[in-house]
PDB file of N, CA and C in Angstrom:
ATOM      1  N   MET A   1      28.166 -74.969  -7.134  1.00  0.00           N
ATOM      2  CA  MET A   1      28.451 -73.981  -7.872  1.00  0.00           C
ATOM      3  C   MET A   1      27.014 -73.893  -9.139  1.00  0.00           C
ATOM      4  N   LYS A   2      26.522 -74.740  -9.590  1.00  0.00           N
ATOM      5  CA  LYS A   2      25.244 -74.742 -10.386  1.00  0.00           C
ATOM      6  C   LYS A   2      24.262 -74.047  -9.673  1.00  0.00           C
ATOM      7  N   LYS A   3      24.233 -74.347  -8.516  1.00  0.00           N
ATOM      8  CA  LYS A   3      22.961 -73.201  -8.216  1.00  0.00           C
ATOM      9  C   LYS A   3      23.397 -71.604  -7.918  1.00  0.00           C
ATOM     10  N   GLY A   4      24.586 -71.476  -7.902  1.00  0.00           N
ATOM     11  CA  GLY A   4      25.113 -70.282  -7.749  1.00  0.00           C
ATOM     12  C   GLY A   4      24.641 -69.870  -9.207  1.00  0.00           C
ATOM     13  N   SER A   5      25.046 -70.610  -9.829  1.00  0.00           N
ATOM     14  CA  SER A   5      25.132 -69.921 -11.549  1.00  0.00           C
ATOM     15  C   SER A   5      23.930 -69.765 -11.822  1.00  0.00           C
ATOM     16  N   SER A   6      22.885 -70.226 -11.382  1.00  0.00           N
ATOM     17  CA  SER A   6      21.233 -70.532 -11.594  1.00  0.00           C
ATOM     18  C   SER A   6      20.817 -69.138 -11.249  1.00  0.00           C
ATOM     19  N   ALA A   7      21.274 -68.952 -10.047  1.00  0.00           N
ATOM     20  CA  ALA A   7      20.749 -67.887  -9.324  1.00  0.00           C
ATOM     21  C   ALA A   7      21.053 -66.667  -9.597  1.00  0.00           C
ATOM     22  N   ALA A   8      22.092 -66.440 -10.631  1.00  0.00           N
ATOM     23  CA  ALA A   8      23.022 -65.300 -10.703  1.00  0.00           C
ATOM     24  C   ALA A   8      22.418 -65.145 -12.550  1.00  0.00           C
ATOM     25  N   VAL A   9      21.808 -66.048 -13.204  1.00  0.00           N
ATOM     26  CA  VAL A   9      20.882 -66.031 -14.543  1.00  0.00           C
ATOM     27  C   VAL A   9      20.074 -65.595 -14.004  1.00  0.00           C
ATOM     28  N   LEU A  10      18.667 -66.127 -13.057  1.00  0.00           N
ATOM     29  CA  LEU A  10      17.879 -65.122 -12.745  1.00  0.00           C
ATOM     30  C   LEU A  10      17.772 -64.030 -12.501  1.00  0.00           C
ATOM     31  N   LEU A  11      18.875 -63.618 -11.534  1.00  0.00           N
ATOM     32  CA  LEU A  11      18.935 -62.168 -11.039  1.00  0.00           C
ATOM     33  C   LEU A  11      18.866 -61.444 -12.540  1.00  0.00           C
ATOM     34  N   MET A  12      19.671 -61.511 -13.275  1.00  0.00           N
ATOM     35  CA  MET A  12      19.949 -60.910 -14.669  1.00  0.00           C
ATOM     36  C   MET A  12      18.706 -60.736 -15.173  1.00  0.00           C
ATOM     37  N   LEU A  13      18.072 -61.998 -15.574  1.00  0.00           N
ATOM     38  CA  LEU A  13      16.840 -62.010 -16.430  1.00  0.00           C
ATOM     39  C   LEU A  13      15.883 -60.705 -15.580  1.00  0.00           C
ATOM     40  N   SER A  14      15.761 -61.231 -14.741  1.00  0.00           N
ATOM     41  CA  SER A  14      14.501 -59.801 -13.365  1.00  0.00           C
ATOM     42  C   SER A  14      15.176 -58.816 -13.728  1.00  0.00           C
ATOM     43  N   VAL A  15      16.449 -58.576 -13.778  1.00  0.00           N
ATOM     44  CA  VAL A  15      16.856 -57.254 -13.854  1.00  0.00           C
ATOM     45  C   VAL A  15      16.201 -56.475 -15.506  1.00  0.00           C
ATOM     46  N   ALA A  16      16.899 -57.664 -15.939  1.00  0.00           N
ATOM     47  CA  ALA A  16      16.176 -56.966 -17.952  1.00  0.00           C
ATOM     48  C   ALA A  16      15.087 -56.745 -17.736  1.00  0.00           C
ATOM     49  N   ALA A  17      14.450 -58.025 -17.203  1.00  0.00           N
ATOM     50  CA  ALA A  17      12.849 -57.507 -17.146  1.00  0.00           C
ATOM     51  C   ALA A  17      12.372 -56.431 -16.564  1.00  0.00           C
ATOM     52  N   LEU A  18      12.748 -55.928 -15.619  1.00  0.00           N
ATOM     53  CA  LEU A  18      12.567 -54.551 -14.762  1.00  0.00           C
ATOM     54  C   LEU A  18      13.101 -53.204 -15.732  1.00  0.00           C
ATOM     55  N   LEU A  19      14.151 -53.526 -16.126  1.00  0.00           N
ATOM     56  CA  LEU A  19      14.409 -52.589 -17.129  1.00  0.00           C
ATOM     57  C   LEU A  19      13.435 -52.242 -18.601  1.00  0.00           C
ATOM     58  N   LEU A  20      12.963 -53.142 -19.056  1.00  0.00           N
ATOM     59  CA  LEU A  20      12.062 -53.125 -19.970  1.00  0.00           C
ATOM     60  C   LEU A  20      10.623 -52.810 -19.640  1.00  0.00           C
ATOM     61  N   VAL A  21      10.360 -52.916 -18.624  1.00  0.00           N
ATOM     62  CA  VAL A  21       8.963 -52.761 -17.925  1.00  0.00           C
ATOM     63  C   VAL A  21       9.374 -50.860 -17.517  1.00  0.00           C
ATOM     64  N   GLY A  22      10.399 -50.816 -16.915  1.00  0.00           N
ATOM     65  CA  GLY A  22      10.505 -48.952 -16.954  1.00  0.00           C
ATOM     66  C   GLY A  22      10.586 -48.249 -17.949  1.00  0.00           C
ATOM     67  N   ALA A  23      11.349 -48.781 -18.969  1.00  0.00           N
ATOM     68  CA  ALA A  23      11.150 -47.936 -20.384  1.00  0.00           C
ATOM     69  C   ALA A  23       9.978 -47.996 -20.750  1.00  0.00           C
ATOM     70  N   ALA A  24       8.867 -48.889 -20.262  1.00  0.00           N
ATOM     71  CA  ALA A  24       7.575 -48.695 -21.155  1.00  0.00           C
ATOM     72  C   ALA A  24       6.603 -47.452 -20.638  1.00  0.00           C
ATOM     73  N   VAL A  25       7.276 -47.996 -19.301  1.00  0.00           N
ATOM     74  CA  VAL A  25       6.643 -46.687 -18.160  1.00  0.00           C
ATOM     75  C   VAL A  25       7.235 -45.386 -18.254  1.00  0.00           C
ATOM     76  N   ALA A  26       8.505 -45.123 -18.705  1.00  0.00           N
ATOM     77  CA  ALA A  26       8.859 -44.143 -18.759  1.00  0.00           C
ATOM     78  C   ALA A  26       8.327 -42.832 -19.310  1.00  0.00           C
ATOM     79  N   ASP A  27       7.644 -43.257 -20.533  1.00  0.00           N
ATOM     80  CA  ASP A  27       7.110 -41.970 -21.535  1.00  0.00           C
ATOM     81  C   ASP A  27       6.109 -41.256 -20.552  1.00  0.00           C
ATOM     82  N   ASP A  28       5.320 -42.154 -20.049  1.00  0.00           N
ATOM     83  CA  ASP A  28       4.052 -41.341 -19.183  1.00  0.00           C
ATOM     84  C   ASP A  28       4.596 -40.518 -17.661  1.00  0.00           C
ATOM     85  N   ALA A  29       5.862 -40.974 -17.335  1.00  0.00           N
ATOM     86  CA  ALA A  29       6.418 -40.451 -16.240  1.00  0.00           C
ATOM     87  C   ALA A  29       7.506 -39.431 -16.368  1.00  0.00           C
ATOM     88  N   ILE A  30       7.291 -38.576 -17.391  1.00  0.00           N
ATOM     89  CA  ILE A  30       8.283 -37.629 -17.602  1.00  0.00           C
ATOM     90  C   ILE A  30       7.598 -36.194 -16.870  1.00  0.00           C
ATOM     91  N   ILE A  31       9.076 -35.910 -15.917  1.00  0.00           N
ATOM     92  CA  ILE A  31       8.606 -34.503 -14.941  1.00  0.00           C
ATOM     93  C   ILE A  31       8.896 -33.465 -15.872  1.00  0.00           C
ATOM     94  N   ARG A  32       7.596 -32.212 -16.229  1.00  0.00           N
ATOM     95  CA  ARG A  32       7.890 -31.070 -17.006  1.00  0.00           C
ATOM     96  C   ARG A  32       8.633 -29.890 -16.034  1.00  0.00           C
ATOM     97  N   LEU A  33       9.319 -29.388 -16.216  1.00  0.00           N
ATOM     98  CA  LEU A  33       9.805 -28.231 -15.549  1.00  0.00           C
ATOM     99  C   LEU A  33       9.051 -27.141 -15.918  1.00  0.00           C
ATOM    100  N   HIS A  34       9.222 -26.380 -15.020  1.00  0.00           N
ATOM    101  CA  HIS A  34       8.280 -24.519 -15.136  1.00  0.00           C
ATOM    102  C   HIS A  34       8.890 -24.468 -16.897  1.00  0.00           C
ATOM    103  N   SER A  35       9.690 -24.144 -17.124  1.00  0.00           N
ATOM    104  CA  SER A  35      10.720 -23.532 -18.326  1.00  0.00           C
ATOM    105  C   SER A  35       9.811 -24.228 -19.322  1.00  0.00           C
ATOM    106  N   ASP A  36       9.542 -25.827 -19.420  1.00  0.00           N
ATOM    107  CA  ASP A  36       8.467 -26.566 -20.367  1.00  0.00           C
ATOM    108  C   ASP A  36       7.165 -26.449 -20.733  1.00  0.00           C
ATOM    109  N   ALA A  37       6.414 -25.620 -19.897  1.00  0.00           N
ATOM    110  CA  ALA A  37       4.959 -25.306 -19.772  1.00  0.00           C
ATOM    111  C   ALA A  37       4.886 -24.359 -20.859  1.00  0.00           C
ATOM    112  N   GLY A  38       5.526 -23.746 -21.482  1.00  0.00           N
ATOM    113  CA  GLY A  38       5.141 -22.550 -22.882  1.00  0.00           C
ATOM    114  C   GLY A  38       4.061 -23.297 -23.263  1.00  0.00           C
ATOM    115  N   THR A  39       3.227 -22.443 -23.721  1.00  0.00           N
ATOM    116  CA  THR A  39       2.024 -22.486 -24.677  1.00  0.00           C
ATOM    117  C   THR A  39       2.855 -22.547 -26.091  1.00  0.00           C
ATOM    118  N   GLY A  40       3.566 -21.717 -26.147  1.00  0.00           N
ATOM    119  CA  GLY A  40       4.372 -21.747 -27.802  1.00  0.00           C
ATOM    120  C   GLY A  40       3.652 -20.458 -28.055  1.00  0.00           C
ATOM    121  N   GLU A  41       3.211 -19.331 -27.323  1.00  0.00           N
ATOM    122  CA  GLU A  41       2.947 -17.997 -28.095  1.00  0.00           C
ATOM    123  C   GLU A  41       3.869 -17.299 -27.079  1.00  0.00           C
ATOM    124  N   THR A  42       4.023 -16.064 -27.844  1.00  0.00           N
ATOM    125  CA  THR A  42       4.669 -14.859 -27.131  1.00  0.00           C
ATOM    126  C   THR A  42       4.536 -14.240 -26.039  1.00  0.00           C
ATOM    127  N   ARG A  43       5.505 -14.152 -24.915  1.00  0.00           N
ATOM    128  CA  ARG A  43       5.085 -13.240 -24.323  1.00  0.00           C
ATOM    129  C   ARG A  43       4.963 -12.254 -23.898  1.00  0.00           C
ATOM    130  N   PRO A  44       3.501 -11.355 -23.794  1.00  0.00           N
ATOM    131  CA  PRO A  44       3.351 -10.125 -24.308  1.00  0.00           C
ATOM    132  C   PRO A  44       4.184  -8.562 -23.486  1.00  0.00           C
ATOM    133  N   TRP A  45       5.196  -9.441 -22.943  1.00  0.00           N
ATOM    134  CA  TRP A  45       5.931  -8.199 -22.527  1.00  0.00           C
ATOM    135  C   TRP A  45       7.523  -8.812 -22.629  1.00  0.00           C
ATOM    136  N   ASP A  46       8.112  -8.100 -22.550  1.00  0.00           N
ATOM    137  CA  ASP A  46      10.024  -8.302 -22.628  1.00  0.00           C
ATOM    138  C   ASP A  46      10.349  -8.450 -21.026  1.00  0.00           C
ATOM    139  N   CYS A  47      10.183  -7.594 -20.308  1.00  0.00           N
ATOM    140  CA  CYS A  47      10.539  -7.722 -18.922  1.00  0.00           C
ATOM    141  C   CYS A  47       9.948  -7.450 -17.799  1.00  0.00           C
ATOM    142  N   CYS A  48       9.652  -7.954 -16.908  1.00  0.00           N
ATOM    143  CA  CYS A  48       8.537  -7.745 -16.215  1.00  0.00           C
ATOM    144  C   CYS A  48       9.136  -7.207 -14.521  1.00  0.00           C
ATOM    145  N   ASP A  49       9.090  -6.471 -13.713  1.00  0.00           N
ATOM    146  CA  ASP A  49       9.320  -6.095 -12.346  1.00  0.00           C
ATOM    147  C   ASP A  49       8.453  -6.419 -11.445  1.00  0.00           C
ATOM    148  N   HIS A  50       7.272  -6.265 -11.781  1.00  0.00           N
ATOM    149  CA  HIS A  50       6.168  -6.442 -10.710  1.00  0.00           C
ATOM    150  C   HIS A  50       5.353  -7.808 -11.601  1.00  0.00           C
ATOM    151  N   PRO A  51       5.485  -8.979 -11.427  1.00  0.00           N
ATOM    152  CA  PRO A  51       4.820 -10.446 -12.109  1.00  0.00           C
ATOM    153  C   PRO A  51       3.821 -10.344 -10.741  1.00  0.00           C
ATOM    154  N   VAL A  52       2.432 -10.606 -11.499  1.00  0.00           N
ATOM    155  CA  VAL A  52       1.692 -11.424 -10.146  1.00  0.00           C
ATOM    156  C   VAL A  52       1.199 -12.537 -10.781  1.00  0.00           C
ATOM    157  N   CYS A  53       1.792 -14.135 -10.423  1.00  0.00           N
ATOM    158  CA  CYS A  53       1.319 -15.209 -10.916  1.00  0.00           C
ATOM    159  C   CYS A  53       0.870 -16.167  -9.794  1.00  0.00           C
ATOM    160  N   THR A  54      -0.297 -17.025 -10.540  1.00  0.00           N
ATOM    161  CA  THR A  54      -0.831 -17.585  -9.669  1.00  0.00           C
ATOM    162  C   THR A  54      -0.091 -19.453  -9.537  1.00  0.00           C
ATOM    163  N   LYS A  55      -0.608 -19.872  -8.786  1.00  0.00           N
ATOM    164  CA  LYS A  55       0.147 -21.313  -8.150  1.00  0.00           C
ATOM    165  C   LYS A  55       0.170 -21.952  -9.463  1.00  0.00           C
ATOM    166  N   ARG A  56      -0.422 -22.187 -10.502  1.00  0.00           N
ATOM    167  CA  ARG A  56      -0.567 -22.873 -11.927  1.00  0.00           C
ATOM    168  C   ARG A  56       0.124 -22.296 -13.080  1.00  0.00           C
ATOM    169  N   SER A  57       0.969 -20.960 -12.527  1.00  0.00           N
ATOM    170  CA  SER A  57       1.636 -20.361 -13.267  1.00  0.00           C
ATOM    171  C   SER A  57       1.258 -19.480 -14.670  1.00  0.00           C
ATOM    172  N   TRP A  58       0.138 -19.292 -14.425  1.00  0.00           N
ATOM    173  CA  TRP A  58      -0.656 -18.567 -14.956  1.00  0.00           C
ATOM    174  C   TRP A  58       0.064 -16.879 -14.587  1.00  0.00           C
ATOM    175  N   CYS A  59       0.354 -15.773 -15.140  1.00  0.00           N
ATOM    176  CA  CYS A  59       1.274 -14.546 -14.498  1.00  0.00           C
ATOM    177  C   CYS A  59       0.279 -13.318 -15.845  1.00  0.00           C
ATOM    178  N   GLY A  60       0.104 -12.122 -14.748  1.00  0.00           N
ATOM    179  CA  GLY A  60      -0.130 -10.876 -14.996  1.00  0.00           C
ATOM    180  C   GLY A  60       0.954 -10.414 -14.604  1.00  0.00           C
ATOM    181  N   TRP A  61       0.662  -8.925 -15.579  1.00  0.00           N
ATOM    182  CA  TRP A  61       1.889  -7.969 -15.092  1.00  0.00           C
ATOM    183  C   TRP A  61       1.307  -6.599 -14.883  1.00  0.00           C
ATOM    184  N   GLN A  62       2.392  -5.859 -13.845  1.00  0.00           N
ATOM    185  CA  GLN A  62       1.604  -4.813 -13.590  1.00  0.00           C
ATOM    186  C   GLN A  62       2.870  -3.623 -13.447  1.00  0.00           C
ATOM    187  N   ASP A  63       3.268  -3.778 -14.023  1.00  0.00           N
ATOM    188  CA  ASP A  63       4.278  -2.773 -14.904  1.00  0.00           C
ATOM    189  C   ASP A  63       3.727  -1.567 -15.727  1.00  0.00           C
ATOM    190  N   VAL A  64       3.888  -0.220 -15.542  1.00  0.00           N
ATOM    191  CA  VAL A  64       3.550   0.911 -15.662  1.00  0.00           C
ATOM    192  C   VAL A  64       4.249   1.370 -16.847  1.00  0.00           C
ATOM    193  N   VAL A  65       4.603   1.450 -18.296  1.00  0.00           N
ATOM    194  CA  VAL A  65       5.240   1.672 -19.756  1.00  0.00           C
ATOM    195  C   VAL A  65       4.200   2.455 -20.588  1.00  0.00           C
ATOM    196  N   GLU A  66       5.605   3.112 -21.330  1.00  0.00           N
ATOM    197  CA  GLU A  66       5.107   4.236 -21.997  1.00  0.00           C
ATOM    198  C   GLU A  66       3.868   3.972 -23.552  1.00  0.00           C
ATOM    199  N   GLN A  67       4.530   2.547 -23.454  1.00  0.00           N
ATOM    200  CA  GLN A  67       3.856   1.768 -24.726  1.00  0.00           C
ATOM    201  C   GLN A  67       3.903   0.570 -24.524  1.00  0.00           C
ATOM    202  N   CYS A  68       2.693  -0.590 -24.847  1.00  0.00           N
ATOM    203  CA  CYS A  68       2.807  -1.995 -24.379  1.00  0.00           C
ATOM    204  C   CYS A  68       3.803  -2.360 -25.934  1.00  0.00           C
ATOM    205  N   SER A  69       3.974  -3.353 -25.601  1.00  0.00           N
ATOM    206  CA  SER A  69       4.580  -4.540 -26.774  1.00  0.00           C
ATOM    207  C   SER A  69       3.441  -4.785 -27.884  1.00  0.00           C
ATOM    208  N   PRO A  70       4.304  -5.481 -28.662  1.00  0.00           N
ATOM    209  CA  PRO A  70       3.130  -5.393 -29.989  1.00  0.00           C
ATOM    210  C   PRO A  70       2.245  -6.628 -29.741  1.00  0.00           C
ATOM    211  N   ALA A  71       2.994  -7.693 -28.750  1.00  0.00           N
ATOM    212  CA  ALA A  71       2.309  -9.084 -28.385  1.00  0.00           C
ATOM    213  C   ALA A  71       1.138  -8.779 -27.115  1.00  0.00           C
ATOM    214  N   CYS A  72       1.032  -7.474 -26.526  1.00  0.00           N
ATOM    215  CA  CYS A  72       0.074  -7.747 -26.021  1.00  0.00           C
ATOM    216  C   CYS A  72      -1.430  -6.967 -26.626  1.00  0.00           C
ATOM    217  N   ARG A  73      -2.372  -7.929 -26.425  1.00  0.00           N
ATOM    218  CA  ARG A  73      -3.646  -7.844 -26.799  1.00  0.00           C
ATOM    219  C   ARG A  73      -4.571  -6.632 -26.192  1.00  0.00           C
ATOM    220  N   SER A  74      -4.349  -6.655 -24.692  1.00  0.00           N
ATOM    221  CA  SER A  74      -5.116  -6.012 -24.403  1.00  0.00           C
ATOM    222  C   SER A  74      -4.421  -5.106 -23.534  1.00  0.00           C
ATOM    223  N   CYS A  75      -3.671  -3.823 -23.845  1.00  0.00           N
ATOM    224  CA  CYS A  75      -3.110  -2.674 -23.403  1.00  0.00           C
ATOM    225  C   CYS A  75      -4.506  -1.381 -22.999  1.00  0.00           C
ATOM    226  N   LYS A  76      -4.043  -1.388 -21.541  1.00  0.00           N
ATOM    227  CA  LYS A  76      -5.242  -0.632 -21.062  1.00  0.00           C
ATOM    228  C   LYS A  76      -4.432   0.702 -20.228  1.00  0.00           C
ATOM    229  N   PRO A  77      -4.867   1.803 -20.425  1.00  0.00           N
ATOM    230  CA  PRO A  77      -4.283   2.904 -19.628  1.00  0.00           C
ATOM    231  C   PRO A  77      -3.900   3.203 -17.855  1.00  0.00           C
ATOM    232  N   ALA A  78      -2.996   3.051 -17.709  1.00  0.00           N
ATOM    233  CA  ALA A  78      -2.952   2.717 -16.343  1.00  0.00           C
ATOM    234  C   ALA A  78      -3.470   3.822 -15.273  1.00  0.00           C
ATOM    235  N   LYS A  79      -3.891   3.168 -14.365  1.00  0.00           N
ATOM    236  CA  LYS A  79      -4.221   4.521 -13.371  1.00  0.00           C
ATOM    237  C   LYS A  79      -3.477   5.183 -12.827  1.00  0.00           C
ATOM    238  N   ARG A  80      -3.914   6.321 -12.170  1.00  0.00           N
ATOM    239  CA  ARG A  80      -2.660   7.192 -11.645  1.00  0.00           C
ATOM    240  C   ARG A  80      -2.846   7.557 -10.713  1.00  0.00           C
ATOM    241  N   ALA A  81      -2.315   7.350  -9.298  1.00  0.00           N
ATOM    242  CA  ALA A  81      -1.850   7.769  -8.096  1.00  0.00           C
ATOM    243  C   ALA A  81      -2.882   9.326  -7.755  1.00  0.00           C
ATOM    244  N   ASP A  82      -2.123  10.516  -8.487  1.00  0.00           N
ATOM    245  CA  ASP A  82      -2.678  11.491  -8.611  1.00  0.00           C
ATOM    246  C   ASP A  82      -2.459  12.295 -10.024  1.00  0.00           C
ATOM    247  N   GLU A  83      -2.382  13.489 -10.097  1.00  0.00           N
ATOM    248  CA  GLU A  83      -2.358  14.314 -11.362  1.00  0.00           C
ATOM    249  C   GLU A  83      -0.640  13.963 -11.511  1.00  0.00           C
ATOM    250  N   SER A  84       0.239  14.608 -10.445  1.00  0.00           N
ATOM    251  CA  SER A  84       1.491  14.498 -10.689  1.00  0.00           C
ATOM    252  C   SER A  84       1.870  13.266 -11.201  1.00  0.00           C
ATOM    253  N   ALA A  85       1.411  11.908 -10.880  1.00  0.00           N
ATOM    254  CA  ALA A  85       1.841  10.794 -11.488  1.00  0.00           C
ATOM    255  C   ALA A  85       2.194  10.685 -13.283  1.00  0.00           C
ATOM    256  N   PRO A  86       2.923  10.399 -13.505  1.00  0.00           N
ATOM    257  CA  PRO A  86       2.791  10.162 -15.002  1.00  0.00           C
ATOM    258  C   PRO A  86       1.952   9.143 -15.508  1.00  0.00           C
ATOM    259  N   SER A  87       1.717   9.702 -16.207  1.00  0.00           N
ATOM    260  CA  SER A  87       0.576   9.017 -17.084  1.00  0.00           C
ATOM    261  C   SER A  87       1.137   7.366 -18.127  1.00  0.00           C
ATOM    262  N   GLY A  88       0.745   5.901 -18.229  1.00  0.00           N
ATOM    263  CA  GLY A  88       1.159   5.220 -18.641  1.00  0.00           C
ATOM    264  C   GLY A  88       0.458   3.716 -19.107  1.00  0.00           C
ATOM    265  N   TYR A  89       0.919   2.955 -19.582  1.00  0.00           N
ATOM    266  CA  TYR A  89      -0.273   1.550 -20.000  1.00  0.00           C
ATOM    267  C   TYR A  89       0.407   0.640 -19.078  1.00  0.00           C
ATOM    268  N   MET A  90      -0.800  -0.081 -18.889  1.00  0.00           N
ATOM    269  CA  MET A  90      -0.152  -1.473 -18.568  1.00  0.00           C
ATOM    270  C   MET A  90      -0.897  -2.586 -19.614  1.00  0.00           C
ATOM    271  N   CYS A  91      -0.195  -3.744 -19.943  1.00  0.00           N
ATOM    272  CA  CYS A  91      -1.064  -4.743 -20.357  1.00  0.00           C
ATOM    273  C   CYS A  91      -1.345  -5.891 -19.455  1.00  0.00           C
ATOM    274  N   ARG A  92      -2.654  -6.179 -19.807  1.00  0.00           N
ATOM    275  CA  ARG A  92      -3.963  -6.614 -18.894  1.00  0.00           C
ATOM    276  C   ARG A  92      -3.954  -8.539 -19.662  1.00  0.00           C
ATOM    277  N   ASP A  93      -3.120  -8.595 -20.180  1.00  0.00           N
ATOM    278  CA  ASP A  93      -3.035  -9.926 -20.995  1.00  0.00           C
ATOM    279  C   ASP A  93      -2.625 -10.780 -19.399  1.00  0.00           C
ATOM    280  N   ALA A  94      -3.245 -12.658 -19.717  1.00  0.00           N
ATOM    281  CA  ALA A  94      -2.400 -13.273 -19.120  1.00  0.00           C
ATOM    282  C   ALA A  94      -1.358 -14.274 -19.189  1.00  0.00           C
ATOM    283  N   TYR A  95      -0.668 -14.826 -19.101  1.00  0.00           N
ATOM    284  CA  TYR A  95       0.579 -15.793 -19.906  1.00  0.00           C
ATOM    285  C   TYR A  95       0.719 -16.567 -18.858  1.00  0.00           C
ATOM    286  N   HIS A  96       0.798 -17.833 -19.714  1.00  0.00           N
ATOM    287  CA  HIS A  96       0.874 -19.217 -19.015  1.00  0.00           C
ATOM    288  C   HIS A  96       2.574 -19.496 -19.188  1.00  0.00           C
ATOM    289  N   GLY A  97       2.802 -19.334 -18.282  1.00  0.00           N
ATOM    290  CA  GLY A  97       4.779 -19.657 -18.130  1.00  0.00           C
ATOM    291  C   GLY A  97       5.803 -18.975 -17.197  1.00  0.00           C
ATOM    292  N   SER A  98       6.599 -18.654 -17.556  1.00  0.00           N
ATOM    293  CA  SER A  98       7.888 -17.316 -16.940  1.00  0.00           C
ATOM    294  C   SER A  98       7.561 -16.104 -16.717  1.00  0.00           C
ATOM    295  N   PRO A  99       7.076 -15.286 -16.318  1.00  0.00           N
ATOM    296  CA  PRO A  99       6.706 -13.975 -16.323  1.00  0.00           C
ATOM    297  C   PRO A  99       8.403 -13.334 -16.883  1.00  0.00           C
ATOM    298  N   GLY A 100       9.181 -13.860 -17.314  1.00  0.00           N
ATOM    299  CA  GLY A 100      10.665 -12.925 -18.028  1.00  0.00           C
ATOM    300  C   GLY A 100      11.495 -12.424 -16.794  1.00  0.00           C
ATOM    301  N   PRO A 101      12.752 -12.066 -17.479  1.00  0.00           N
ATOM    302  CA  PRO A 101      13.692 -11.531 -16.445  1.00  0.00           C
ATOM    303  C   PRO A 101      12.696 -10.251 -16.057  1.00  0.00           C
ATOM    304  N   LYS A 102      13.724  -9.302 -14.879  1.00  0.00           N
ATOM    305  CA  LYS A 102      13.276  -8.334 -14.345  1.00  0.00           C
ATOM    306  C   LYS A 102      13.843  -7.008 -15.005  1.00  0.00           C
ATOM    307  N   CYS A 103      13.381  -6.028 -15.549  1.00  0.00           N
ATOM    308  CA  CYS A 103      13.742  -4.957 -16.465  1.00  0.00           C
ATOM    309  C   CYS A 103      14.646  -3.838 -15.883  1.00  0.00           C
ATOM    310  N   MET A 104      14.626  -3.411 -14.713  1.00  0.00           N
ATOM    311  CA  MET A 104      15.435  -2.630 -13.604  1.00  0.00           C
ATOM    312  C   MET A 104      16.527  -3.825 -13.177  1.00  0.00           C
ATOM    313  N   LEU A 105      17.506  -3.543 -13.044  1.00  0.00           N
ATOM    314  CA  LEU A 105      18.802  -4.644 -12.373  1.00  0.00           C
ATOM    315  C   LEU A 105      19.206  -3.884 -11.397  1.00  0.00           C
TER     316      LEU A 105
END
């Protein structure tokens, strides 16, 4: 019986040591989700139907609007397919994070 109880105590001490080591390493091993990757800056558009994003979650915006959002720093006139196409603007900013919700549902 003494042999079994000493093995149980040794097992409990080993598990406790592993938990302490795991807790110390856990701060460095946090997995961040895409939604946590925001830079703290405001997205330069409210919604986006045509996002262009890279693998590193940098996104651009291809929507043509009548007026850019006040958060947009680089608002440029959109190229028109022909003279009958309506004129508009495109925000040429790049944003790190989610491109946001769709405008047209």
